[in-house]
């Protein structure tokens, strides 16, 4: 019986070794940004500041990870774009700290997640050729969900039948052309049946692969609670674990001088130089990828 099992395992391993490589995702989880003592980052002053026209300065800031760039505008009194937070509170009482809270009360993975408060700021692919973005996880920000459930001075009373709050993710190609859009509801009270009213409070997956190869994407929020000056529901949503599919062929990894293999391990965790079969490769950026060496 043991001989039969070993034979089957050997056959499976030999079959696997005939494959050129395994596909491995790049997951952007916002763990590389240092946060302040209150558990968030919204940018900082830098040498690229420009006048805001009101006597102050606005500073363009970016966070980069895994081939993506998140653009943020920071000033002493205002920010927009992409904040990064590790806060675990789920309530909203004031703007000072609670605008950095999520409905889920934690990241989807790790400690950090991003808060999108965007007025046109993009999430860019740094590769010149662009990339497919497989998808991301999202949930409501505590600020927006408080408005849905309890109302606020801008939005009025809590959501009732007919109300809705929606996120639209739009992709753009290398020439700025629109490649597509994906919509999802953050709160959906459209049904006449109150039992069907729903809102997002946990992390949910959003498939973005239909956008195709993109150079940038934008997040646009819309709501039934809209007035003469725009949407009254808070323009906030949380995202985490933005996922890009990456081919991990051995040649492409070793020829990438900016992110090369620094060490290889076998499945038992021992270092190896010229091993064959399923191998774990630690990259210069700290990520670990799986490849099959022949």
C-alpha atoms as a PDB file:
ATOM      1  CA  UNK A   1       0.000   0.000   0.000  1.00  0.00           C
ATOM      2  CA  UNK A   2       2.846   2.418   0.874  1.00  0.00           C
ATOM      3  CA  UNK A   3       4.587   1.624  -2.394  1.00  0.00           C
ATOM      4  CA  UNK A   4       1.415   2.514  -4.294  1.00  0.00           C
ATOM      5  CA  UNK A   5       1.084   5.847  -2.452  1.00  0.00           C
ATOM      6  CA  UNK A   6       4.724   6.779  -3.125  1.00  0.00           C
ATOM      7  CA  UNK A   7       4.300   5.865  -6.771  1.00  0.00           C
ATOM      8  CA  UNK A   8       1.235   8.107  -7.069  1.00  0.00           C
ATOM      9  CA  UNK A   9       3.053  10.965  -5.333  1.00  0.00           C
ATOM     10  CA  UNK A  10       6.033  10.558  -7.633  1.00  0.00           C
ATOM     11  CA  UNK A  11       3.810  10.614 -10.697  1.00  0.00           C
ATOM     12  CA  UNK A  12       2.044  13.753  -9.503  1.00  0.00           C
ATOM     13  CA  UNK A  13       5.368  15.476  -8.830  1.00  0.00           C
ATOM     14  CA  UNK A  14       6.738  14.530 -12.261  1.00  0.00           C
ATOM     15  CA  UNK A  15       3.562  15.873 -13.880  1.00  0.00           C
ATOM     16  CA  UNK A  16       3.905  19.145 -11.968  1.00  0.00           C
ATOM     17  CA  UNK A  17       7.534  19.508 -13.018  1.00  0.00           C
ATOM     18  CA  UNK A  18       6.531  19.503 -16.672  1.00  0.00           C
ATOM     19  CA  UNK A  19       4.717  22.825 -16.158  1.00  0.00           C
ATOM     20  CA  UNK A  20       6.772  25.938 -17.036  1.00  0.00           C
ATOM     21  CA  UNK A  21       5.630  27.957 -14.038  1.00  0.00           C
ATOM     22  CA  UNK A  22       2.817  28.589 -11.604  1.00  0.00           C
ATOM     23  CA  UNK A  23       0.680  31.706 -11.595  1.00  0.00           C
ATOM     24  CA  UNK A  24       1.095  33.699  -8.416  1.00  0.00           C
ATOM     25  CA  UNK A  25      -0.824  36.813  -7.444  1.00  0.00           C
ATOM     26  CA  UNK A  26       0.607  40.083  -6.179  1.00  0.00           C
ATOM     27  CA  UNK A  27      -1.526  41.325  -3.289  1.00  0.00           C
ATOM     28  CA  UNK A  28      -1.290  44.949  -2.205  1.00  0.00           C
ATOM     29  CA  UNK A  29      -2.256  45.083   1.471  1.00  0.00           C
ATOM     30  CA  UNK A  30      -0.950  48.529   2.578  1.00  0.00           C
ATOM     31  CA  UNK A  31       1.330  47.076   5.246  1.00  0.00           C
ATOM     32  CA  UNK A  32       4.441  49.058   4.252  1.00  0.00           C
ATOM     33  CA  UNK A  33       3.299  52.525   5.325  1.00  0.00           C
ATOM     34  CA  UNK A  34       4.218  53.887   8.750  1.00  0.00           C
ATOM     35  CA  UNK A  35       1.171  55.327  10.534  1.00  0.00           C
ATOM     36  CA  UNK A  36       0.914  58.048  13.159  1.00  0.00           C
ATOM     37  CA  UNK A  37       0.172  57.408  16.827  1.00  0.00           C
ATOM     38  CA  UNK A  38      -3.574  57.507  16.116  1.00  0.00           C
ATOM     39  CA  UNK A  39      -3.295  54.754  13.528  1.00  0.00           C
ATOM     40  CA  UNK A  40      -3.562  56.471  10.160  1.00  0.00           C
ATOM     41  CA  UNK A  41      -1.627  58.136   7.310  1.00  0.00           C
ATOM     42  CA  UNK A  42      -3.024  60.832   4.991  1.00  0.00           C
ATOM     43  CA  UNK A  43       0.220  62.108   3.437  1.00  0.00           C
ATOM     44  CA  UNK A  44       2.778  64.594   4.649  1.00  0.00           C
ATOM     45  CA  UNK A  45       4.490  67.842   3.778  1.00  0.00           C
ATOM     46  CA  UNK A  46       7.141  67.552   1.072  1.00  0.00           C
ATOM     47  CA  UNK A  47       9.132  69.594  -1.440  1.00  0.00           C
ATOM     48  CA  UNK A  48       6.365  69.410  -4.066  1.00  0.00           C
ATOM     49  CA  UNK A  49       3.844  71.595  -2.250  1.00  0.00           C
ATOM     50  CA  UNK A  50       1.759  74.073  -4.229  1.00  0.00           C
ATOM     51  CA  UNK A  51      -0.399  76.988  -3.103  1.00  0.00           C
ATOM     52  CA  UNK A  52      -4.040  76.087  -2.514  1.00  0.00           C
ATOM     53  CA  UNK A  53      -5.096  79.650  -3.365  1.00  0.00           C
ATOM     54  CA  UNK A  54      -6.224  80.376   0.180  1.00  0.00           C
ATOM     55  CA  UNK A  55      -2.897  81.034   1.857  1.00  0.00           C
ATOM     56  CA  UNK A  56      -2.079  77.388   2.506  1.00  0.00           C
ATOM     57  CA  UNK A  57      -0.173  74.617   0.774  1.00  0.00           C
ATOM     58  CA  UNK A  58      -1.284  71.322  -0.745  1.00  0.00           C
ATOM     59  CA  UNK A  59       1.185  68.454  -1.043  1.00  0.00           C
ATOM     60  CA  UNK A  60       0.862  65.669  -3.637  1.00  0.00           C
ATOM     61  CA  UNK A  61       1.744  62.350  -1.970  1.00  0.00           C
ATOM     62  CA  UNK A  62       1.869  58.749  -3.110  1.00  0.00           C
ATOM     63  CA  UNK A  63       1.913  55.296  -1.609  1.00  0.00           C
ATOM     64  CA  UNK A  64       3.448  52.561  -3.792  1.00  0.00           C
ATOM     65  CA  UNK A  65       3.328  48.812  -3.357  1.00  0.00           C
ATOM     66  CA  UNK A  66       3.277  45.790  -5.631  1.00  0.00           C
ATOM     67  CA  UNK A  67       3.235  47.728  -8.879  1.00  0.00           C
ATOM     68  CA  UNK A  68       0.456  50.126  -7.849  1.00  0.00           C
ATOM     69  CA  UNK A  69       0.605  53.827  -6.977  1.00  0.00           C
ATOM     70  CA  UNK A  70      -2.081  55.497  -4.828  1.00  0.00           C
ATOM     71  CA  UNK A  71      -2.290  59.279  -5.193  1.00  0.00           C
ATOM     72  CA  UNK A  72      -3.257  61.539  -2.308  1.00  0.00           C
ATOM     73  CA  UNK A  73      -3.503  65.307  -1.792  1.00  0.00           C
ATOM     74  CA  UNK A  74      -2.550  66.460   1.709  1.00  0.00           C
ATOM     75  CA  UNK A  75      -2.809  69.802   3.468  1.00  0.00           C
ATOM     76  CA  UNK A  76      -2.870  70.781   7.112  1.00  0.00           C
ATOM     77  CA  UNK A  77      -6.660  71.054   7.109  1.00  0.00           C
ATOM     78  CA  UNK A  78      -7.717  68.694   4.351  1.00  0.00           C
ATOM     79  CA  UNK A  79      -6.887  65.486   2.486  1.00  0.00           C
ATOM     80  CA  UNK A  80      -8.352  63.508  -0.383  1.00  0.00           C
ATOM     81  CA  UNK A  81      -7.353  60.386  -2.234  1.00  0.00           C
ATOM     82  CA  UNK A  82      -6.205  57.344  -0.277  1.00  0.00           C
ATOM     83  CA  UNK A  83      -5.610  57.234   3.473  1.00  0.00           C
ATOM     84  CA  UNK A  84      -4.138  54.184   5.196  1.00  0.00           C
ATOM     85  CA  UNK A  85      -5.444  53.076   8.585  1.00  0.00           C
ATOM     86  CA  UNK A  86      -5.135  50.290  11.129  1.00  0.00           C
ATOM     87  CA  UNK A  87      -7.915  51.532  13.394  1.00  0.00           C
ATOM     88  CA  UNK A  88     -10.282  48.918  14.809  1.00  0.00           C
ATOM     89  CA  UNK A  89     -13.131  51.151  15.970  1.00  0.00           C
ATOM     90  CA  UNK A  90     -16.366  50.778  13.989  1.00  0.00           C
ATOM     91  CA  UNK A  91     -18.250  53.820  15.298  1.00  0.00           C
ATOM     92  CA  UNK A  92     -18.434  57.392  14.033  1.00  0.00           C
ATOM     93  CA  UNK A  93     -18.807  60.303  16.428  1.00  0.00           C
ATOM     94  CA  UNK A  94     -16.538  63.007  14.992  1.00  0.00           C
ATOM     95  CA  UNK A  95     -14.275  63.685  12.021  1.00  0.00           C
ATOM     96  CA  UNK A  96     -11.057  64.000  14.005  1.00  0.00           C
ATOM     97  CA  UNK A  97     -10.337  60.276  14.174  1.00  0.00           C
ATOM     98  CA  UNK A  98     -13.487  58.399  13.266  1.00  0.00           C
ATOM     99  CA  UNK A  99     -13.280  59.182   9.546  1.00  0.00           C
ATOM    100  CA  UNK A 100     -10.446  56.607   9.518  1.00  0.00           C
ATOM    101  CA  UNK A 101     -12.623  53.792  10.944  1.00  0.00           C
ATOM    102  CA  UNK A 102     -14.091  50.943   8.920  1.00  0.00           C
ATOM    103  CA  UNK A 103     -17.395  49.123   9.295  1.00  0.00           C
ATOM    104  CA  UNK A 104     -15.524  45.814   9.629  1.00  0.00           C
ATOM    105  CA  UNK A 105     -13.287  47.008  12.464  1.00  0.00           C
ATOM    106  CA  UNK A 106     -10.179  45.371  11.011  1.00  0.00           C
ATOM    107  CA  UNK A 107      -8.218  44.891   7.811  1.00  0.00           C
ATOM    108  CA  UNK A 108      -9.139  42.054   5.494  1.00  0.00           C
ATOM    109  CA  UNK A 109      -5.622  40.713   6.066  1.00  0.00           C
ATOM    110  CA  UNK A 110      -2.722  42.004   8.101  1.00  0.00           C
ATOM    111  CA  UNK A 111      -3.200  45.235  10.033  1.00  0.00           C
ATOM    112  CA  UNK A 112      -3.675  48.034   7.486  1.00  0.00           C
ATOM    113  CA  UNK A 113      -6.340  48.952   4.954  1.00  0.00           C
ATOM    114  CA  UNK A 114      -6.986  51.962   2.735  1.00  0.00           C
ATOM    115  CA  UNK A 115      -9.773  54.522   2.953  1.00  0.00           C
ATOM    116  CA  UNK A 116     -10.828  55.990  -0.374  1.00  0.00           C
ATOM    117  CA  UNK A 117     -12.011  59.613  -0.230  1.00  0.00           C
ATOM    118  CA  UNK A 118     -11.402  60.419  -3.845  1.00  0.00           C
ATOM    119  CA  UNK A 119     -12.207  63.413  -6.000  1.00  0.00           C
ATOM    120  CA  UNK A 120     -10.505  62.167  -9.133  1.00  0.00           C
ATOM    121  CA  UNK A 121      -7.312  60.849  -7.548  1.00  0.00           C
ATOM    122  CA  UNK A 122      -6.322  57.646  -9.309  1.00  0.00           C
ATOM    123  CA  UNK A 123      -4.867  54.296  -8.419  1.00  0.00           C
ATOM    124  CA  UNK A 124      -2.164  53.797 -11.066  1.00  0.00           C
ATOM    125  CA  UNK A 125      -0.339  50.771 -12.449  1.00  0.00           C
ATOM    126  CA  UNK A 126       3.381  51.610 -12.473  1.00  0.00           C
ATOM    127  CA  UNK A 127       4.292  49.181 -15.285  1.00  0.00           C
ATOM    128  CA  UNK A 128       4.435  50.969 -18.635  1.00  0.00           C
ATOM    129  CA  UNK A 129       2.338  48.287 -20.299  1.00  0.00           C
ATOM    130  CA  UNK A 130      -0.352  48.402 -17.602  1.00  0.00           C
ATOM    131  CA  UNK A 131      -1.863  45.347 -15.943  1.00  0.00           C
ATOM    132  CA  UNK A 132      -5.061  43.473 -15.320  1.00  0.00           C
ATOM    133  CA  UNK A 133      -6.321  44.038 -11.768  1.00  0.00           C
ATOM    134  CA  UNK A 134      -8.064  40.866 -10.632  1.00  0.00           C
ATOM    135  CA  UNK A 135     -10.049  42.592  -7.912  1.00  0.00           C
ATOM    136  CA  UNK A 136     -10.045  43.871  -4.363  1.00  0.00           C
ATOM    137  CA  UNK A 137     -11.875  43.586  -1.065  1.00  0.00           C
ATOM    138  CA  UNK A 138     -14.116  46.449   0.059  1.00  0.00           C
ATOM    139  CA  UNK A 139     -16.345  47.449   2.948  1.00  0.00           C
ATOM    140  CA  UNK A 140     -18.121  50.574   4.114  1.00  0.00           C
ATOM    141  CA  UNK A 141     -16.297  53.266   6.021  1.00  0.00           C
ATOM    142  CA  UNK A 142     -17.768  53.855   9.465  1.00  0.00           C
ATOM    143  CA  UNK A 143     -18.496  57.478   8.489  1.00  0.00           C
ATOM    144  CA  UNK A 144     -20.625  56.514   5.492  1.00  0.00           C
ATOM    145  CA  UNK A 145     -22.381  53.639   7.241  1.00  0.00           C
ATOM    146  CA  UNK A 146     -23.315  55.883  10.160  1.00  0.00           C
ATOM    147  CA  UNK A 147     -25.033  58.191   7.668  1.00  0.00           C
ATOM    148  CA  UNK A 148     -26.921  55.241   6.149  1.00  0.00           C
ATOM    149  CA  UNK A 149     -28.089  53.824   9.481  1.00  0.00           C
ATOM    150  CA  UNK A 150     -28.537  56.952  11.578  1.00  0.00           C
ATOM    151  CA  UNK A 151     -28.599  59.911   9.224  1.00  0.00           C
ATOM    152  CA  UNK A 152     -26.527  63.067   9.631  1.00  0.00           C
ATOM    153  CA  UNK A 153     -26.916  66.845   9.203  1.00  0.00           C
ATOM    154  CA  UNK A 154     -26.008  66.679   5.499  1.00  0.00           C
ATOM    155  CA  UNK A 155     -27.817  63.525   4.386  1.00  0.00           C
ATOM    156  CA  UNK A 156     -30.893  63.887   6.567  1.00  0.00           C
ATOM    157  CA  UNK A 157     -32.585  60.946   8.255  1.00  0.00           C
ATOM    158  CA  UNK A 158     -31.446  57.336   8.019  1.00  0.00           C
ATOM    159  CA  UNK A 159     -31.939  55.513   4.725  1.00  0.00           C
ATOM    160  CA  UNK A 160     -35.481  54.393   3.963  1.00  0.00           C
ATOM    161  CA  UNK A 161     -37.145  52.467   1.136  1.00  0.00           C
ATOM    162  CA  UNK A 162     -35.854  53.641  -2.221  1.00  0.00           C
ATOM    163  CA  UNK A 163     -32.454  54.830  -1.011  1.00  0.00           C
ATOM    164  CA  UNK A 164     -29.122  53.478  -2.252  1.00  0.00           C
ATOM    165  CA  UNK A 165     -25.364  54.054  -2.005  1.00  0.00           C
ATOM    166  CA  UNK A 166     -23.138  52.741  -4.802  1.00  0.00           C
ATOM    167  CA  UNK A 167     -19.471  52.444  -5.787  1.00  0.00           C
ATOM    168  CA  UNK A 168     -18.355  52.529  -9.428  1.00  0.00           C
ATOM    169  CA  UNK A 169     -14.813  51.457 -10.325  1.00  0.00           C
ATOM    170  CA  UNK A 170     -13.688  52.658 -13.764  1.00  0.00           C
ATOM    171  CA  UNK A 171     -10.626  51.474 -15.671  1.00  0.00           C
ATOM    172  CA  UNK A 172      -8.512  53.516 -18.092  1.00  0.00           C
ATOM    173  CA  UNK A 173      -5.924  52.300 -20.602  1.00  0.00           C
ATOM    174  CA  UNK A 174      -2.489  53.641 -21.509  1.00  0.00           C
ATOM    175  CA  UNK A 175      -3.961  56.358 -23.733  1.00  0.00           C
ATOM    176  CA  UNK A 176      -6.558  57.427 -21.205  1.00  0.00           C
ATOM    177  CA  UNK A 177      -9.329  55.496 -22.922  1.00  0.00           C
ATOM    178  CA  UNK A 178     -12.045  53.996 -20.744  1.00  0.00           C
ATOM    179  CA  UNK A 179     -11.762  50.201 -20.618  1.00  0.00           C
ATOM    180  CA  UNK A 180     -14.912  49.506 -18.609  1.00  0.00           C
ATOM    181  CA  UNK A 181     -16.583  49.929 -15.248  1.00  0.00           C
ATOM    182  CA  UNK A 182     -17.820  47.749 -12.392  1.00  0.00           C
ATOM    183  CA  UNK A 183     -20.611  48.776 -10.022  1.00  0.00           C
ATOM    184  CA  UNK A 184     -21.553  47.465  -6.602  1.00  0.00           C
ATOM    185  CA  UNK A 185     -23.968  48.677  -3.912  1.00  0.00           C
ATOM    186  CA  UNK A 186     -22.644  49.688  -0.511  1.00  0.00           C
ATOM    187  CA  UNK A 187     -26.202  50.073   0.793  1.00  0.00           C
ATOM    188  CA  UNK A 188     -29.301  48.958  -1.098  1.00  0.00           C
ATOM    189  CA  UNK A 189     -32.748  49.950   0.147  1.00  0.00           C
ATOM    190  CA  UNK A 190     -34.430  50.010  -3.263  1.00  0.00           C
ATOM    191  CA  UNK A 191     -36.790  47.105  -2.609  1.00  0.00           C
ATOM    192  CA  UNK A 192     -40.328  47.728  -1.396  1.00  0.00           C
ATOM    193  CA  UNK A 193     -39.767  44.780   0.935  1.00  0.00           C
ATOM    194  CA  UNK A 194     -37.905  46.084   3.991  1.00  0.00           C
ATOM    195  CA  UNK A 195     -36.575  42.588   4.704  1.00  0.00           C
ATOM    196  CA  UNK A 196     -34.469  42.884   1.544  1.00  0.00           C
ATOM    197  CA  UNK A 197     -32.776  46.122   2.573  1.00  0.00           C
ATOM    198  CA  UNK A 198     -29.058  45.524   3.000  1.00  0.00           C
ATOM    199  CA  UNK A 199     -25.705  47.233   3.516  1.00  0.00           C
ATOM    200  CA  UNK A 200     -22.059  46.161   3.488  1.00  0.00           C
ATOM    201  CA  UNK A 201     -20.496  45.754   6.911  1.00  0.00           C
ATOM    202  CA  UNK A 202     -17.890  43.029   6.284  1.00  0.00           C
ATOM    203  CA  UNK A 203     -15.149  42.672   3.695  1.00  0.00           C
ATOM    204  CA  UNK A 204     -16.469  41.560   0.299  1.00  0.00           C
ATOM    205  CA  UNK A 205     -14.620  40.634  -2.890  1.00  0.00           C
ATOM    206  CA  UNK A 206     -15.119  42.762  -6.032  1.00  0.00           C
ATOM    207  CA  UNK A 207     -13.985  41.208  -9.324  1.00  0.00           C
ATOM    208  CA  UNK A 208     -12.341  43.823 -11.564  1.00  0.00           C
ATOM    209  CA  UNK A 209     -10.916  41.526 -14.231  1.00  0.00           C
ATOM    210  CA  UNK A 210     -13.567  42.673 -16.725  1.00  0.00           C
ATOM    211  CA  UNK A 211     -11.830  46.068 -16.875  1.00  0.00           C
ATOM    212  CA  UNK A 212      -9.026  44.398 -18.842  1.00  0.00           C
ATOM    213  CA  UNK A 213      -5.510  45.807 -18.942  1.00  0.00           C
ATOM    214  CA  UNK A 214      -5.498  49.209 -17.260  1.00  0.00           C
ATOM    215  CA  UNK A 215      -3.021  51.958 -16.432  1.00  0.00           C
ATOM    216  CA  UNK A 216      -5.273  53.527 -13.806  1.00  0.00           C
ATOM    217  CA  UNK A 217      -8.611  53.160 -12.096  1.00  0.00           C
ATOM    218  CA  UNK A 218     -10.886  55.604 -10.289  1.00  0.00           C
ATOM    219  CA  UNK A 219     -13.443  55.126  -7.528  1.00  0.00           C
ATOM    220  CA  UNK A 220     -16.691  57.075  -7.807  1.00  0.00           C
ATOM    221  CA  UNK A 221     -19.392  56.962  -5.134  1.00  0.00           C
ATOM    222  CA  UNK A 222     -23.004  57.947  -5.777  1.00  0.00           C
ATOM    223  CA  UNK A 223     -26.161  57.983  -3.693  1.00  0.00           C
ATOM    224  CA  UNK A 224     -29.876  58.639  -3.789  1.00  0.00           C
ATOM    225  CA  UNK A 225     -29.142  61.311  -1.175  1.00  0.00           C
ATOM    226  CA  UNK A 226     -27.906  63.980  -3.590  1.00  0.00           C
ATOM    227  CA  UNK A 227     -28.540  67.716  -3.499  1.00  0.00           C
ATOM    228  CA  UNK A 228     -27.715  70.817  -5.519  1.00  0.00           C
ATOM    229  CA  UNK A 229     -24.038  70.612  -4.552  1.00  0.00           C
ATOM    230  CA  UNK A 230     -23.559  66.892  -5.079  1.00  0.00           C
ATOM    231  CA  UNK A 231     -23.832  63.731  -3.012  1.00  0.00           C
ATOM    232  CA  UNK A 232     -24.786  64.189   0.648  1.00  0.00           C
ATOM    233  CA  UNK A 233     -23.805  60.688   1.800  1.00  0.00           C
ATOM    234  CA  UNK A 234     -20.126  60.743   2.923  1.00  0.00           C
ATOM    235  CA  UNK A 235     -17.812  60.017  -0.019  1.00  0.00           C
ATOM    236  CA  UNK A 236     -15.881  57.286   1.815  1.00  0.00           C
ATOM    237  CA  UNK A 237     -15.239  53.561   1.251  1.00  0.00           C
ATOM    238  CA  UNK A 238     -12.556  51.140   2.488  1.00  0.00           C
ATOM    239  CA  UNK A 239     -10.471  48.773   0.327  1.00  0.00           C
ATOM    240  CA  UNK A 240      -7.847  46.123   1.009  1.00  0.00           C
ATOM    241  CA  UNK A 241      -5.857  43.337  -0.683  1.00  0.00           C
ATOM    242  CA  UNK A 242      -5.873  44.737  -4.215  1.00  0.00           C
ATOM    243  CA  UNK A 243      -4.860  41.739  -6.323  1.00  0.00           C
ATOM    244  CA  UNK A 244      -2.887  41.600  -9.573  1.00  0.00           C
ATOM    245  CA  UNK A 245      -2.182  38.361 -11.451  1.00  0.00           C
ATOM    246  CA  UNK A 246       1.553  37.916 -12.031  1.00  0.00           C
ATOM    247  CA  UNK A 247       3.312  35.290 -14.140  1.00  0.00           C
ATOM    248  CA  UNK A 248       6.172  33.787 -12.157  1.00  0.00           C
ATOM    249  CA  UNK A 249       8.181  32.191 -14.929  1.00  0.00           C
ATOM    250  CA  UNK A 250      11.770  31.725 -13.788  1.00  0.00           C
ATOM    251  CA  UNK A 251      13.264  33.832 -16.587  1.00  0.00           C
ATOM    252  CA  UNK A 252      11.009  36.835 -15.980  1.00  0.00           C
ATOM    253  CA  UNK A 253      11.759  36.783 -12.255  1.00  0.00           C
ATOM    254  CA  UNK A 254      15.503  36.526 -12.619  1.00  0.00           C
ATOM    255  CA  UNK A 255      15.656  39.182 -15.349  1.00  0.00           C
ATOM    256  CA  UNK A 256      13.780  41.744 -13.268  1.00  0.00           C
ATOM    257  CA  UNK A 257      16.695  43.699 -11.808  1.00  0.00           C
ATOM    258  CA  UNK A 258      14.440  45.833  -9.628  1.00  0.00           C
ATOM    259  CA  UNK A 259      12.855  42.809  -7.926  1.00  0.00           C
ATOM    260  CA  UNK A 260      15.198  39.841  -8.199  1.00  0.00           C
ATOM    261  CA  UNK A 261      15.326  36.516  -6.378  1.00  0.00           C
ATOM    262  CA  UNK A 262      17.423  36.802  -3.224  1.00  0.00           C
ATOM    263  CA  UNK A 263      17.005  33.232  -1.922  1.00  0.00           C
ATOM    264  CA  UNK A 264      15.265  29.984  -2.829  1.00  0.00           C
ATOM    265  CA  UNK A 265      13.787  27.439  -0.429  1.00  0.00           C
ATOM    266  CA  UNK A 266      12.378  23.951  -0.759  1.00  0.00           C
ATOM    267  CA  UNK A 267       8.996  23.071   0.739  1.00  0.00           C
ATOM    268  CA  UNK A 268      10.622  22.147   4.046  1.00  0.00           C
ATOM    269  CA  UNK A 269      12.038  25.658   4.385  1.00  0.00           C
ATOM    270  CA  UNK A 270      15.650  24.751   3.663  1.00  0.00           C
ATOM    271  CA  UNK A 271      17.674  26.984   1.352  1.00  0.00           C
ATOM    272  CA  UNK A 272      18.627  25.532  -2.004  1.00  0.00           C
ATOM    273  CA  UNK A 273      20.692  26.765  -4.923  1.00  0.00           C
ATOM    274  CA  UNK A 274      19.893  24.502  -7.850  1.00  0.00           C
ATOM    275  CA  UNK A 275      16.908  22.486  -6.689  1.00  0.00           C
ATOM    276  CA  UNK A 276      14.123  21.219  -8.881  1.00  0.00           C
ATOM    277  CA  UNK A 277      10.383  20.998  -8.427  1.00  0.00           C
ATOM    278  CA  UNK A 278       8.105  23.306  -6.451  1.00  0.00           C
ATOM    279  CA  UNK A 279      10.307  26.064  -5.030  1.00  0.00           C
ATOM    280  CA  UNK A 280       9.657  29.105  -2.854  1.00  0.00           C
ATOM    281  CA  UNK A 281      11.553  32.204  -3.992  1.00  0.00           C
ATOM    282  CA  UNK A 282      12.059  35.206  -1.737  1.00  0.00           C
ATOM    283  CA  UNK A 283      12.150  38.402  -3.813  1.00  0.00           C
ATOM    284  CA  UNK A 284      14.079  41.624  -3.205  1.00  0.00           C
ATOM    285  CA  UNK A 285      10.853  43.432  -2.264  1.00  0.00           C
ATOM    286  CA  UNK A 286      10.206  40.911   0.534  1.00  0.00           C
ATOM    287  CA  UNK A 287       7.463  38.983  -1.253  1.00  0.00           C
ATOM    288  CA  UNK A 288       7.558  35.188  -1.622  1.00  0.00           C
ATOM    289  CA  UNK A 289       6.542  33.463  -4.841  1.00  0.00           C
ATOM    290  CA  UNK A 290       6.113  29.853  -5.907  1.00  0.00           C
ATOM    291  CA  UNK A 291       7.674  28.481  -9.086  1.00  0.00           C
ATOM    292  CA  UNK A 292       8.385  25.079 -10.527  1.00  0.00           C
ATOM    293  CA  UNK A 293      12.019  24.580 -11.538  1.00  0.00           C
ATOM    294  CA  UNK A 294      12.778  21.947 -14.150  1.00  0.00           C
END
